[in-house]
Structures are given as structure tokens and as C-alpha cells.
PDB file of all heavy atoms in Angstrom:
ATOM      1  N   ALA A   1     -56.346 -16.624  -0.806  1.00  0.00           N
ATOM      2  CA  ALA A   1     -56.157 -15.799   0.385  1.00  0.00           C
ATOM      3  C   ALA A   1     -57.361 -14.899   0.670  1.00  0.00           C
ATOM      4  O   ALA A   1     -57.317 -14.087   1.596  1.00  0.00           O
ATOM      5  CB  ALA A   1     -54.902 -14.940   0.230  1.00  0.00           C
ATOM      6  N   GLU A   2     -58.426 -15.044  -0.130  1.00  0.00           N
ATOM      7  CA  GLU A   2     -59.661 -14.269   0.038  1.00  0.00           C
ATOM      8  C   GLU A   2     -59.390 -12.763   0.052  1.00  0.00           C
ATOM      9  O   GLU A   2     -59.734 -12.058   1.005  1.00  0.00           O
ATOM     10  CB  GLU A   2     -60.399 -14.681   1.315  1.00  0.00           C
ATOM     11  CG  GLU A   2     -60.825 -16.137   1.310  1.00  0.00           C
ATOM     12  CD  GLU A   2     -61.555 -16.542   2.586  1.00  0.00           C
ATOM     13  OE1 GLU A   2     -61.491 -15.784   3.583  1.00  0.00           O
ATOM     14  OE2 GLU A   2     -62.192 -17.608   2.577  1.00  0.00           O
ATOM     15  N   PRO A   3     -58.766 -12.246  -1.005  1.00  0.00           N
ATOM     16  CA  PRO A   3     -58.442 -10.814  -1.025  1.00  0.00           C
ATOM     17  C   PRO A   3     -59.677  -9.942  -1.186  1.00  0.00           C
ATOM     18  O   PRO A   3     -60.673 -10.356  -1.789  1.00  0.00           O
ATOM     19  CB  PRO A   3     -57.530 -10.690  -2.252  1.00  0.00           C
ATOM     20  CG  PRO A   3     -58.002 -11.772  -3.168  1.00  0.00           C
ATOM     21  CD  PRO A   3     -58.363 -12.917  -2.251  1.00  0.00           C
ATOM     22  N   LYS A   4     -59.584  -8.735  -0.665  1.00  0.00           N
ATOM     23  CA  LYS A   4     -60.586  -7.705  -0.950  1.00  0.00           C
ATOM     24  C   LYS A   4     -60.194  -6.942  -2.213  1.00  0.00           C
ATOM     25  O   LYS A   4     -61.061  -6.468  -2.952  1.00  0.00           O
ATOM     26  CB  LYS A   4     -60.679  -6.733   0.228  1.00  0.00           C
ATOM     27  CG  LYS A   4     -61.086  -7.385   1.531  1.00  0.00           C
ATOM     28  CD  LYS A   4     -60.955  -6.406   2.695  1.00  0.00           C
ATOM     29  CE  LYS A   4     -61.250  -7.085   4.021  1.00  0.00           C
ATOM     30  NZ  LYS A   4     -61.031  -6.163   5.168  1.00  0.00           N
ATOM     31  N   LEU A   5     -58.877  -6.828  -2.431  1.00  0.00           N
ATOM     32  CA  LEU A   5     -58.314  -6.174  -3.608  1.00  0.00           C
ATOM     33  C   LEU A   5     -57.381  -7.154  -4.290  1.00  0.00           C
ATOM     34  O   LEU A   5     -56.469  -7.692  -3.670  1.00  0.00           O
ATOM     35  CB  LEU A   5     -57.543  -4.914  -3.210  1.00  0.00           C
ATOM     36  CG  LEU A   5     -56.756  -4.214  -4.330  1.00  0.00           C
ATOM     37  CD1 LEU A   5     -57.705  -3.625  -5.378  1.00  0.00           C
ATOM     38  CD2 LEU A   5     -55.852  -3.127  -3.755  1.00  0.00           C
ATOM     39  N   LEU A   6     -57.605  -7.375  -5.590  1.00  0.00           N
ATOM     40  CA  LEU A   6     -56.778  -8.284  -6.368  1.00  0.00           C
ATOM     41  C   LEU A   6     -55.997  -7.474  -7.393  1.00  0.00           C
ATOM     42  O   LEU A   6     -56.571  -6.773  -8.227  1.00  0.00           O
ATOM     43  CB  LEU A   6     -57.656  -9.321  -7.072  1.00  0.00           C
ATOM     44  CG  LEU A   6     -56.939 -10.374  -7.922  1.00  0.00           C
ATOM     45  CD1 LEU A   6     -55.985 -11.204  -7.075  1.00  0.00           C
ATOM     46  CD2 LEU A   6     -57.975 -11.276  -8.612  1.00  0.00           C
ATOM     47  N   LEU A   7     -54.661  -7.545  -7.309  1.00  0.00           N
ATOM     48  CA  LEU A   7     -53.772  -6.866  -8.243  1.00  0.00           C
ATOM     49  C   LEU A   7     -53.355  -7.862  -9.323  1.00  0.00           C
ATOM     50  O   LEU A   7     -52.711  -8.868  -9.010  1.00  0.00           O
ATOM     51  CB  LEU A   7     -52.529  -6.334  -7.516  1.00  0.00           C
ATOM     52  CG  LEU A   7     -52.760  -5.470  -6.275  1.00  0.00           C
ATOM     53  CD1 LEU A   7     -51.422  -5.133  -5.615  1.00  0.00           C
ATOM     54  CD2 LEU A   7     -53.513  -4.188  -6.629  1.00  0.00           C
ATOM     55  N   LEU A   8     -53.732  -7.586 -10.554  1.00  0.00           N
ATOM     56  CA  LEU A   8     -53.397  -8.475 -11.665  1.00  0.00           C
ATOM     57  C   LEU A   8     -52.363  -7.796 -12.545  1.00  0.00           C
ATOM     58  O   LEU A   8     -52.639  -6.763 -13.156  1.00  0.00           O
ATOM     59  CB  LEU A   8     -54.656  -8.808 -12.485  1.00  0.00           C
ATOM     60  CG  LEU A   8     -55.795  -9.512 -11.753  1.00  0.00           C
ATOM     61  CD1 LEU A   8     -56.960  -9.750 -12.703  1.00  0.00           C
ATOM     62  CD2 LEU A   8     -55.321 -10.838 -11.151  1.00  0.00           C
ATOM     63  N   ASP A   9     -51.169  -8.371 -12.620  1.00  0.00           N
ATOM     64  CA  ASP A   9     -50.063  -7.795 -13.382  1.00  0.00           C
ATOM     65  C   ASP A   9     -49.930  -8.540 -14.708  1.00  0.00           C
ATOM     66  O   ASP A   9     -49.476  -9.675 -14.748  1.00  0.00           O
ATOM     67  CB  ASP A   9     -48.766  -7.891 -12.576  1.00  0.00           C
ATOM     68  CG  ASP A   9     -47.653  -7.027 -13.153  1.00  0.00           C
ATOM     69  OD1 ASP A   9     -47.828  -6.484 -14.264  1.00  0.00           O
ATOM     70  OD2 ASP A   9     -46.609  -6.905 -12.509  1.00  0.00           O
ATOM     71  N   GLU A  10     -50.363  -7.906 -15.800  1.00  0.00           N
ATOM     72  CA  GLU A  10     -50.338  -8.481 -17.145  1.00  0.00           C
ATOM     73  C   GLU A  10     -51.015  -9.855 -17.186  1.00  0.00           C
ATOM     74  O   GLU A  10     -50.408 -10.845 -17.628  1.00  0.00           O
ATOM     75  CB  GLU A  10     -48.891  -8.601 -17.631  1.00  0.00           C
ATOM     76  CG  GLU A  10     -48.146  -7.282 -17.735  1.00  0.00           C
ATOM     77  CD  GLU A  10     -48.539  -6.473 -18.966  1.00  0.00           C
ATOM     78  OE1 GLU A  10     -49.390  -6.934 -19.755  1.00  0.00           O
ATOM     79  OE2 GLU A  10     -48.008  -5.361 -19.124  1.00  0.00           O
ATOM     80  N   PRO A  11     -52.271  -9.960 -16.753  1.00  0.00           N
ATOM     81  CA  PRO A  11     -52.915 -11.281 -16.729  1.00  0.00           C
ATOM     82  C   PRO A  11     -53.109 -11.895 -18.108  1.00  0.00           C
ATOM     83  O   PRO A  11     -53.213 -13.112 -18.236  1.00  0.00           O
ATOM     84  CB  PRO A  11     -54.264 -10.996 -16.056  1.00  0.00           C
ATOM     85  CG  PRO A  11     -54.528  -9.555 -16.341  1.00  0.00           C
ATOM     86  CD  PRO A  11     -53.171  -8.900 -16.275  1.00  0.00           C
ATOM     87  N   ALA A  12     -53.176 -11.067 -19.164  1.00  0.00           N
ATOM     88  CA  ALA A  12     -53.394 -11.597 -20.510  1.00  0.00           C
ATOM     89  C   ALA A  12     -52.090 -11.881 -21.246  1.00  0.00           C
ATOM     90  O   ALA A  12     -52.115 -12.394 -22.366  1.00  0.00           O
ATOM     91  CB  ALA A  12     -54.234 -10.612 -21.326  1.00  0.00           C
ATOM     92  N   GLY A  13     -50.943 -11.560 -20.644  1.00  0.00           N
ATOM     93  CA  GLY A  13     -49.661 -11.772 -21.299  1.00  0.00           C
ATOM     94  C   GLY A  13     -49.441 -13.232 -21.654  1.00  0.00           C
ATOM     95  O   GLY A  13     -49.555 -14.116 -20.807  1.00  0.00           O
ATOM     96  N   GLY A  14     -49.144 -13.517 -22.916  1.00  0.00           N
ATOM     97  CA  GLY A  14     -48.872 -14.878 -23.352  1.00  0.00           C
ATOM     98  C   GLY A  14     -50.091 -15.719 -23.651  1.00  0.00           C
ATOM     99  O   GLY A  14     -49.966 -16.898 -24.009  1.00  0.00           O
ATOM    100  N   LEU A  15     -51.285 -15.155 -23.514  1.00  0.00           N
ATOM    101  CA  LEU A  15     -52.516 -15.914 -23.770  1.00  0.00           C
ATOM    102  C   LEU A  15     -52.966 -15.743 -25.216  1.00  0.00           C
ATOM    103  O   LEU A  15     -52.754 -14.692 -25.833  1.00  0.00           O
ATOM    104  CB  LEU A  15     -53.637 -15.450 -22.835  1.00  0.00           C
ATOM    105  CG  LEU A  15     -53.374 -15.551 -21.329  1.00  0.00           C
ATOM    106  CD1 LEU A  15     -54.631 -15.152 -20.556  1.00  0.00           C
ATOM    107  CD2 LEU A  15     -52.927 -16.951 -20.925  1.00  0.00           C
ATOM    108  N   ASN A  16     -53.608 -16.778 -25.770  1.00  0.00           N
ATOM    109  CA  ASN A  16     -54.179 -16.660 -27.107  1.00  0.00           C
ATOM    110  C   ASN A  16     -55.551 -15.994 -27.038  1.00  0.00           C
ATOM    111  O   ASN A  16     -56.056 -15.698 -25.942  1.00  0.00           O
ATOM    112  CB  ASN A  16     -54.253 -18.028 -27.799  1.00  0.00           C
ATOM    113  CG  ASN A  16     -55.148 -19.025 -27.053  1.00  0.00           C
ATOM    114  OD1 ASN A  16     -56.190 -18.671 -26.510  1.00  0.00           O
ATOM    115  ND2 ASN A  16     -54.718 -20.284 -27.021  1.00  0.00           N
ATOM    116  N   HIS A  17     -56.156 -15.748 -28.201  1.00  0.00           N
ATOM    117  CA  HIS A  17     -57.413 -14.993 -28.242  1.00  0.00           C
ATOM    118  C   HIS A  17     -58.513 -15.653 -27.413  1.00  0.00           C
ATOM    119  O   HIS A  17     -59.213 -14.982 -26.644  1.00  0.00           O
ATOM    120  CB  HIS A  17     -57.881 -14.837 -29.689  1.00  0.00           C
ATOM    121  CG  HIS A  17     -59.189 -14.126 -29.823  1.00  0.00           C
ATOM    122  ND1 HIS A  17     -59.321 -12.753 -29.639  1.00  0.00           N
ATOM    123  CD2 HIS A  17     -60.454 -14.590 -30.084  1.00  0.00           C
ATOM    124  CE1 HIS A  17     -60.586 -12.404 -29.806  1.00  0.00           C
ATOM    125  NE2 HIS A  17     -61.289 -13.492 -30.078  1.00  0.00           N
ATOM    126  N   GLY A  18     -58.641 -16.969 -27.541  1.00  0.00           N
ATOM    127  CA  GLY A  18     -59.681 -17.666 -26.785  1.00  0.00           C
ATOM    128  C   GLY A  18     -59.451 -17.578 -25.288  1.00  0.00           C
ATOM    129  O   GLY A  18     -60.405 -17.402 -24.508  1.00  0.00           O
ATOM    130  N   GLU A  19     -58.194 -17.692 -24.868  1.00  0.00           N
ATOM    131  CA  GLU A  19     -57.874 -17.607 -23.442  1.00  0.00           C
ATOM    132  C   GLU A  19     -58.120 -16.202 -22.901  1.00  0.00           C
ATOM    133  O   GLU A  19     -58.543 -16.045 -21.750  1.00  0.00           O
ATOM    134  CB  GLU A  19     -56.422 -18.019 -23.215  1.00  0.00           C
ATOM    135  CG  GLU A  19     -56.166 -19.507 -23.434  1.00  0.00           C
ATOM    136  CD  GLU A  19     -54.694 -19.872 -23.449  1.00  0.00           C
ATOM    137  OE1 GLU A  19     -53.867 -19.003 -23.813  1.00  0.00           O
ATOM    138  OE2 GLU A  19     -54.356 -21.033 -23.107  1.00  0.00           O
ATOM    139  N   VAL A  20     -57.883 -15.181 -23.732  1.00  0.00           N
ATOM    140  CA  VAL A  20     -58.159 -13.807 -23.305  1.00  0.00           C
ATOM    141  C   VAL A  20     -59.653 -13.613 -23.079  1.00  0.00           C
ATOM    142  O   VAL A  20     -60.070 -12.988 -22.084  1.00  0.00           O
ATOM    143  CB  VAL A  20     -57.630 -12.787 -24.338  1.00  0.00           C
ATOM    144  CG1 VAL A  20     -58.143 -11.380 -24.032  1.00  0.00           C
ATOM    145  CG2 VAL A  20     -56.108 -12.790 -24.353  1.00  0.00           C
ATOM    146  N   GLU A  21     -60.483 -14.146 -23.971  1.00  0.00           N
ATOM    147  CA  GLU A  21     -61.936 -14.038 -23.798  1.00  0.00           C
ATOM    148  C   GLU A  21     -62.388 -14.745 -22.531  1.00  0.00           C
ATOM    149  O   GLU A  21     -63.268 -14.257 -21.804  1.00  0.00           O
ATOM    150  CB  GLU A  21     -62.658 -14.615 -25.027  1.00  0.00           C
ATOM    151  CG  GLU A  21     -62.503 -13.771 -26.280  1.00  0.00           C
ATOM    152  CD  GLU A  21     -63.030 -12.351 -26.102  1.00  0.00           C
ATOM    153  OE1 GLU A  21     -64.151 -12.186 -25.574  1.00  0.00           O
ATOM    154  OE2 GLU A  21     -62.312 -11.400 -26.473  1.00  0.00           O
ATOM    155  N   GLU A  22     -61.801 -15.908 -22.237  1.00  0.00           N
ATOM    156  CA  GLU A  22     -62.124 -16.612 -20.993  1.00  0.00           C
ATOM    157  C   GLU A  22     -61.711 -15.783 -19.780  1.00  0.00           C
ATOM    158  O   GLU A  22     -62.433 -15.733 -18.772  1.00  0.00           O
ATOM    159  CB  GLU A  22     -61.409 -17.972 -20.960  1.00  0.00           C
ATOM    160  CG  GLU A  22     -61.974 -18.992 -21.945  1.00  0.00           C
ATOM    161  CD  GLU A  22     -61.208 -20.304 -21.882  1.00  0.00           C
ATOM    162  OE1 GLU A  22     -60.318 -20.430 -21.012  1.00  0.00           O
ATOM    163  OE2 GLU A  22     -61.489 -21.186 -22.712  1.00  0.00           O
ATOM    164  N   LEU A  23     -60.563 -15.126 -19.884  1.00  0.00           N
ATOM    165  CA  LEU A  23     -60.072 -14.292 -18.784  1.00  0.00           C
ATOM    166  C   LEU A  23     -61.027 -13.131 -18.521  1.00  0.00           C
ATOM    167  O   LEU A  23     -61.288 -12.792 -17.352  1.00  0.00           O
ATOM    168  CB  LEU A  23     -58.673 -13.765 -19.107  1.00  0.00           C
ATOM    169  CG  LEU A  23     -58.049 -12.827 -18.078  1.00  0.00           C
ATOM    170  CD1 LEU A  23     -57.831 -13.537 -16.745  1.00  0.00           C
ATOM    171  CD2 LEU A  23     -56.716 -12.269 -18.603  1.00  0.00           C
ATOM    172  N   ILE A  24     -61.552 -12.528 -19.567  1.00  0.00           N
ATOM    173  CA  ILE A  24     -62.513 -11.429 -19.401  1.00  0.00           C
ATOM    174  C   ILE A  24     -63.718 -11.909 -18.587  1.00  0.00           C
ATOM    175  O   ILE A  24     -64.157 -11.242 -17.642  1.00  0.00           O
ATOM    176  CB  ILE A  24     -62.952 -10.891 -20.772  1.00  0.00           C
ATOM    177  CG1 ILE A  24     -61.802 -10.121 -21.436  1.00  0.00           C
ATOM    178  CG2 ILE A  24     -64.182  -9.990 -20.640  1.00  0.00           C
ATOM    179  CD1 ILE A  24     -62.066  -9.722 -22.870  1.00  0.00           C
ATOM    180  N   GLY A  25     -64.231 -13.096 -18.931  1.00  0.00           N
ATOM    181  CA  GLY A  25     -65.350 -13.646 -18.176  1.00  0.00           C
ATOM    182  C   GLY A  25     -64.993 -13.943 -16.738  1.00  0.00           C
ATOM    183  O   GLY A  25     -65.796 -13.705 -15.818  1.00  0.00           O
ATOM    184  N   LEU A  26     -63.774 -14.440 -16.506  1.00  0.00           N
ATOM    185  CA  LEU A  26     -63.329 -14.754 -15.149  1.00  0.00           C
ATOM    186  C   LEU A  26     -63.241 -13.500 -14.283  1.00  0.00           C
ATOM    187  O   LEU A  26     -63.683 -13.494 -13.129  1.00  0.00           O
ATOM    188  CB  LEU A  26     -61.959 -15.429 -15.195  1.00  0.00           C
ATOM    189  CG  LEU A  26     -61.908 -16.948 -15.243  1.00  0.00           C
ATOM    190  CD1 LEU A  26     -60.461 -17.414 -15.357  1.00  0.00           C
ATOM    191  CD2 LEU A  26     -62.567 -17.564 -14.012  1.00  0.00           C
ATOM    192  N   ILE A  27     -62.666 -12.445 -14.834  1.00  0.00           N
ATOM    193  CA  ILE A  27     -62.521 -11.208 -14.059  1.00  0.00           C
ATOM    194  C   ILE A  27     -63.893 -10.648 -13.703  1.00  0.00           C
ATOM    195  O   ILE A  27     -64.109 -10.179 -12.576  1.00  0.00           O
ATOM    196  CB  ILE A  27     -61.682 -10.180 -14.834  1.00  0.00           C
ATOM    197  CG1 ILE A  27     -60.240 -10.682 -14.984  1.00  0.00           C
ATOM    198  CG2 ILE A  27     -61.682  -8.830 -14.120  1.00  0.00           C
ATOM    199  CD1 ILE A  27     -59.366  -9.827 -15.877  1.00  0.00           C
ATOM    200  N   ARG A  28     -64.816 -10.692 -14.637  1.00  0.00           N
ATOM    201  CA  ARG A  28     -66.180 -10.221 -14.350  1.00  0.00           C
ATOM    202  C   ARG A  28     -66.817 -11.048 -13.241  1.00  0.00           C
ATOM    203  O   ARG A  28     -67.482 -10.506 -12.346  1.00  0.00           O
ATOM    204  CB  ARG A  28     -67.030 -10.281 -15.617  1.00  0.00           C
ATOM    205  CG  ARG A  28     -66.706  -9.181 -16.622  1.00  0.00           C
ATOM    206  CD  ARG A  28     -67.568  -9.314 -17.854  1.00  0.00           C
ATOM    207  NE  ARG A  28     -67.329  -8.212 -18.779  1.00  0.00           N
ATOM    208  CZ  ARG A  28     -67.419  -8.299 -20.087  1.00  0.00           C
ATOM    209  NH1 ARG A  28     -67.747  -9.461 -20.652  1.00  0.00           N
ATOM    210  NH2 ARG A  28     -67.197  -7.254 -20.854  1.00  0.00           N
ATOM    211  N   THR A  29     -66.616 -12.366 -13.292  1.00  0.00           N
ATOM    212  CA  THR A  29     -67.181 -13.236 -12.259  1.00  0.00           C
ATOM    213  C   THR A  29     -66.558 -12.949 -10.898  1.00  0.00           C
ATOM    214  O   THR A  29     -67.242 -12.921  -9.872  1.00  0.00           O
ATOM    215  CB  THR A  29     -66.967 -14.711 -12.633  1.00  0.00           C
ATOM    216  OG1 THR A  29     -67.613 -14.976 -13.877  1.00  0.00           O
ATOM    217  CG2 THR A  29     -67.541 -15.639 -11.565  1.00  0.00           C
ATOM    218  N   ILE A  30     -65.244 -12.729 -10.885  1.00  0.00           N
ATOM    219  CA  ILE A  30     -64.547 -12.417  -9.635  1.00  0.00           C
ATOM    220  C   ILE A  30     -65.107 -11.136  -9.018  1.00  0.00           C
ATOM    221  O   ILE A  30     -65.299 -11.046  -7.805  1.00  0.00           O
ATOM    222  CB  ILE A  30     -63.033 -12.304  -9.894  1.00  0.00           C
ATOM    223  CG1 ILE A  30     -62.445 -13.695 -10.160  1.00  0.00           C
ATOM    224  CG2 ILE A  30     -62.310 -11.635  -8.728  1.00  0.00           C
ATOM    225  CD1 ILE A  30     -61.049 -13.674 -10.738  1.00  0.00           C
ATOM    226  N   ARG A  31     -65.371 -10.149  -9.844  1.00  0.00           N
ATOM    227  CA  ARG A  31     -65.933  -8.885  -9.345  1.00  0.00           C
ATOM    228  C   ARG A  31     -67.394  -9.057  -8.925  1.00  0.00           C
ATOM    229  O   ARG A  31     -67.788  -8.654  -7.824  1.00  0.00           O
ATOM    230  CB  ARG A  31     -65.838  -7.809 -10.425  1.00  0.00           C
ATOM    231  CG  ARG A  31     -66.488  -6.476 -10.051  1.00  0.00           C
ATOM    232  CD  ARG A  31     -66.704  -5.599 -11.279  1.00  0.00           C
ATOM    233  NE  ARG A  31     -67.575  -6.248 -12.243  1.00  0.00           N
ATOM    234  CZ  ARG A  31     -67.748  -5.834 -13.506  1.00  0.00           C
ATOM    235  NH1 ARG A  31     -67.090  -4.783 -13.948  1.00  0.00           N
ATOM    236  NH2 ARG A  31     -68.564  -6.483 -14.313  1.00  0.00           N
ATOM    237  N   ASP A  32     -68.203  -9.654  -9.797  1.00  0.00           N
ATOM    238  CA  ASP A  32     -69.651  -9.669  -9.598  1.00  0.00           C
ATOM    239  C   ASP A  32     -70.115 -10.706  -8.588  1.00  0.00           C
ATOM    240  O   ASP A  32     -71.013 -10.441  -7.783  1.00  0.00           O
ATOM    241  CB  ASP A  32     -70.369  -9.893 -10.931  1.00  0.00           C
ATOM    242  CG  ASP A  32     -70.105  -8.784 -11.931  1.00  0.00           C
ATOM    243  OD1 ASP A  32     -69.728  -7.679 -11.509  1.00  0.00           O
ATOM    244  OD2 ASP A  32     -70.279  -9.020 -13.144  1.00  0.00           O
ATOM    245  N   GLN A  33     -69.528 -11.898  -8.613  1.00  0.00           N
ATOM    246  CA  GLN A  33     -69.992 -12.981  -7.749  1.00  0.00           C
ATOM    247  C   GLN A  33     -69.198 -13.099  -6.452  1.00  0.00           C
ATOM    248  O   GLN A  33     -69.732 -13.527  -5.435  1.00  0.00           O
ATOM    249  CB  GLN A  33     -69.951 -14.316  -8.508  1.00  0.00           C
ATOM    250  CG  GLN A  33     -70.911 -14.365  -9.691  1.00  0.00           C
ATOM    251  CD  GLN A  33     -70.929 -15.726 -10.361  1.00  0.00           C
ATOM    252  OE1 GLN A  33     -70.444 -16.728  -9.820  1.00  0.00           O
ATOM    253  NE2 GLN A  33     -71.488 -15.779 -11.561  1.00  0.00           N
ATOM    254  N   ARG A  34     -67.940 -12.713  -6.485  1.00  0.00           N
ATOM    255  CA  ARG A  34     -67.109 -12.820  -5.294  1.00  0.00           C
ATOM    256  C   ARG A  34     -66.901 -11.482  -4.601  1.00  0.00           C
ATOM    257  O   ARG A  34     -66.317 -11.433  -3.524  1.00  0.00           O
ATOM    258  CB  ARG A  34     -65.755 -13.464  -5.650  1.00  0.00           C
ATOM    259  CG  ARG A  34     -65.899 -14.919  -6.056  1.00  0.00           C
ATOM    260  CD  ARG A  34     -64.602 -15.550  -6.494  1.00  0.00           C
ATOM    261  NE  ARG A  34     -64.824 -16.976  -6.750  1.00  0.00           N
ATOM    262  CZ  ARG A  34     -64.443 -17.966  -5.959  1.00  0.00           C
ATOM    263  NH1 ARG A  34     -63.774 -17.698  -4.848  1.00  0.00           N
ATOM    264  NH2 ARG A  34     -64.706 -19.221  -6.262  1.00  0.00           N
ATOM    265  N   GLY A  35     -67.360 -10.396  -5.219  1.00  0.00           N
ATOM    266  CA  GLY A  35     -67.275  -9.076  -4.596  1.00  0.00           C
ATOM    267  C   GLY A  35     -65.865  -8.568  -4.404  1.00  0.00           C
ATOM    268  O   GLY A  35     -65.593  -7.799  -3.478  1.00  0.00           O
ATOM    269  N   ILE A  36     -64.945  -8.983  -5.285  1.00  0.00           N
ATOM    270  CA  ILE A  36     -63.538  -8.597  -5.164  1.00  0.00           C
ATOM    271  C   ILE A  36     -63.255  -7.415  -6.096  1.00  0.00           C
ATOM    272  O   ILE A  36     -63.627  -7.424  -7.262  1.00  0.00           O
ATOM    273  CB  ILE A  36     -62.612  -9.780  -5.502  1.00  0.00           C
ATOM    274  CG1 ILE A  36     -62.818 -10.918  -4.493  1.00  0.00           C
ATOM    275  CG2 ILE A  36     -61.151  -9.346  -5.522  1.00  0.00           C
ATOM    276  CD1 ILE A  36     -62.070 -12.191  -4.833  1.00  0.00           C
ATOM    277  N   THR A  37     -62.595  -6.413  -5.559  1.00  0.00           N
ATOM    278  CA  THR A  37     -62.166  -5.266  -6.343  1.00  0.00           C
ATOM    279  C   THR A  37     -60.892  -5.648  -7.093  1.00  0.00           C
ATOM    280  O   THR A  37     -60.024  -6.329  -6.546  1.00  0.00           O
ATOM    281  CB  THR A  37     -61.893  -4.067  -5.419  1.00  0.00           C
ATOM    282  OG1 THR A  37     -63.094  -3.773  -4.695  1.00  0.00           O
ATOM    283  CG2 THR A  37     -61.464  -2.841  -6.202  1.00  0.00           C
ATOM    284  N   VAL A  38     -60.781  -5.207  -8.348  1.00  0.00           N
ATOM    285  CA  VAL A  38     -59.643  -5.594  -9.183  1.00  0.00           C
ATOM    286  C   VAL A  38     -58.937  -4.349  -9.716  1.00  0.00           C
ATOM    287  O   VAL A  38     -59.578  -3.441 -10.253  1.00  0.00           O
ATOM    288  CB  VAL A  38     -60.091  -6.478 -10.367  1.00  0.00           C
ATOM    289  CG1 VAL A  38     -58.891  -6.814 -11.264  1.00  0.00           C
ATOM    290  CG2 VAL A  38     -60.757  -7.757  -9.870  1.00  0.00           C
ATOM    291  N   LEU A  39     -57.627  -4.324  -9.557  1.00  0.00           N
ATOM    292  CA  LEU A  39     -56.775  -3.318 -10.203  1.00  0.00           C
ATOM    293  C   LEU A  39     -55.817  -4.090 -11.096  1.00  0.00           C
ATOM    294  O   LEU A  39     -55.080  -4.955 -10.626  1.00  0.00           O
ATOM    295  CB  LEU A  39     -55.999  -2.502  -9.167  1.00  0.00           C
ATOM    296  CG  LEU A  39     -55.003  -1.467  -9.718  1.00  0.00           C
ATOM    297  CD1 LEU A  39     -55.703  -0.399 -10.542  1.00  0.00           C
ATOM    298  CD2 LEU A  39     -54.214  -0.813  -8.573  1.00  0.00           C
ATOM    299  N   LEU A  40     -55.857  -3.817 -12.401  1.00  0.00           N
ATOM    300  CA  LEU A  40     -55.025  -4.592 -13.309  1.00  0.00           C
ATOM    301  C   LEU A  40     -54.133  -3.716 -14.165  1.00  0.00           C
ATOM    302  O   LEU A  40     -54.540  -2.635 -14.607  1.00  0.00           O
ATOM    303  CB  LEU A  40     -55.875  -5.514 -14.177  1.00  0.00           C
ATOM    304  CG  LEU A  40     -56.855  -4.932 -15.198  1.00  0.00           C
ATOM    305  CD1 LEU A  40     -56.194  -4.797 -16.566  1.00  0.00           C
ATOM    306  CD2 LEU A  40     -58.089  -5.813 -15.320  1.00  0.00           C
ATOM    307  N   VAL A  41     -52.905  -4.185 -14.357  1.00  0.00           N
ATOM    308  CA  VAL A  41     -51.966  -3.600 -15.306  1.00  0.00           C
ATOM    309  C   VAL A  41     -52.013  -4.483 -16.544  1.00  0.00           C
ATOM    310  O   VAL A  41     -51.887  -5.707 -16.434  1.00  0.00           O
ATOM    311  CB  VAL A  41     -50.530  -3.572 -14.735  1.00  0.00           C
ATOM    312  CG1 VAL A  41     -49.517  -3.339 -15.848  1.00  0.00           C
ATOM    313  CG2 VAL A  41     -50.391  -2.491 -13.684  1.00  0.00           C
ATOM    314  N   GLU A  42     -52.194  -3.877 -17.700  1.00  0.00           N
ATOM    315  CA  GLU A  42     -52.360  -4.696 -18.897  1.00  0.00           C
ATOM    316  C   GLU A  42     -52.038  -3.903 -20.151  1.00  0.00           C
ATOM    317  O   GLU A  42     -52.387  -2.726 -20.258  1.00  0.00           O
ATOM    318  CB  GLU A  42     -53.805  -5.232 -18.958  1.00  0.00           C
ATOM    319  CG  GLU A  42     -54.079  -6.193 -20.082  1.00  0.00           C
ATOM    320  CD  GLU A  42     -53.111  -7.363 -20.107  1.00  0.00           C
ATOM    321  OE1 GLU A  42     -53.186  -8.232 -19.221  1.00  0.00           O
ATOM    322  OE2 GLU A  42     -52.258  -7.371 -21.009  1.00  0.00           O
ATOM    323  N   HIS A  43     -51.359  -4.556 -21.110  1.00  0.00           N
ATOM    324  CA  HIS A  43     -51.094  -3.953 -22.410  1.00  0.00           C
ATOM    325  C   HIS A  43     -52.156  -4.334 -23.439  1.00  0.00           C
ATOM    326  O   HIS A  43     -52.226  -3.733 -24.511  1.00  0.00           O
ATOM    327  CB  HIS A  43     -49.721  -4.394 -22.932  1.00  0.00           C
ATOM    328  CG  HIS A  43     -48.578  -3.670 -22.293  1.00  0.00           C
ATOM    329  ND1 HIS A  43     -47.810  -4.213 -21.284  1.00  0.00           N
ATOM    330  CD2 HIS A  43     -48.091  -2.425 -22.503  1.00  0.00           C
ATOM    331  CE1 HIS A  43     -46.888  -3.341 -20.915  1.00  0.00           C
ATOM    332  NE2 HIS A  43     -47.031  -2.250 -21.639  1.00  0.00           N
ATOM    333  N   HIS A  44     -52.947  -5.350 -23.137  1.00  0.00           N
ATOM    334  CA  HIS A  44     -53.987  -5.813 -24.063  1.00  0.00           C
ATOM    335  C   HIS A  44     -55.161  -4.840 -23.977  1.00  0.00           C
ATOM    336  O   HIS A  44     -56.033  -4.959 -23.114  1.00  0.00           O
ATOM    337  CB  HIS A  44     -54.418  -7.228 -23.694  1.00  0.00           C
ATOM    338  CG  HIS A  44     -55.177  -7.940 -24.761  1.00  0.00           C
ATOM    339  ND1 HIS A  44     -56.412  -7.524 -25.198  1.00  0.00           N
ATOM    340  CD2 HIS A  44     -54.867  -9.045 -25.498  1.00  0.00           C
ATOM    341  CE1 HIS A  44     -56.850  -8.341 -26.129  1.00  0.00           C
ATOM    342  NE2 HIS A  44     -55.918  -9.270 -26.335  1.00  0.00           N
ATOM    343  N   MET A  45     -55.193  -3.856 -24.889  1.00  0.00           N
ATOM    344  CA  MET A  45     -56.156  -2.768 -24.790  1.00  0.00           C
ATOM    345  C   MET A  45     -57.598  -3.227 -24.936  1.00  0.00           C
ATOM    346  O   MET A  45     -58.498  -2.687 -24.298  1.00  0.00           O
ATOM    347  CB  MET A  45     -55.852  -1.687 -25.829  1.00  0.00           C
ATOM    348  CG  MET A  45     -54.634  -0.850 -25.511  1.00  0.00           C
ATOM    349  SD  MET A  45     -54.805   0.051 -23.940  1.00  0.00           S
ATOM    350  CE  MET A  45     -53.854  -0.997 -22.844  1.00  0.00           C
TER     351      MET A  45
END
């Protein structure tokens, strides 16, 4: 939907360690390359 603001609700929930590391890279790419602002709720400190 080409958001300007992306709300991520527990994006790491249920993911293993490797998938969490991939998610970190994805969120950075979404911010840096796509210019999308991210607000995330997360328990994975």
C-alpha cells in the first residue's frame, strides 16, 4: 500500500534467532532505502 508510516505489531514474535536477525536487516532497509517511517511494538529487547 506504499505507506509513509508502517506500524509493526510484535514483528519478531514466533521467529527464531536467525529470522530475527533477518528482520533487523529488513527494517533497516525499509527505512533507509524505501524512506518509510517505522513505529514498532516489540517484546524482543
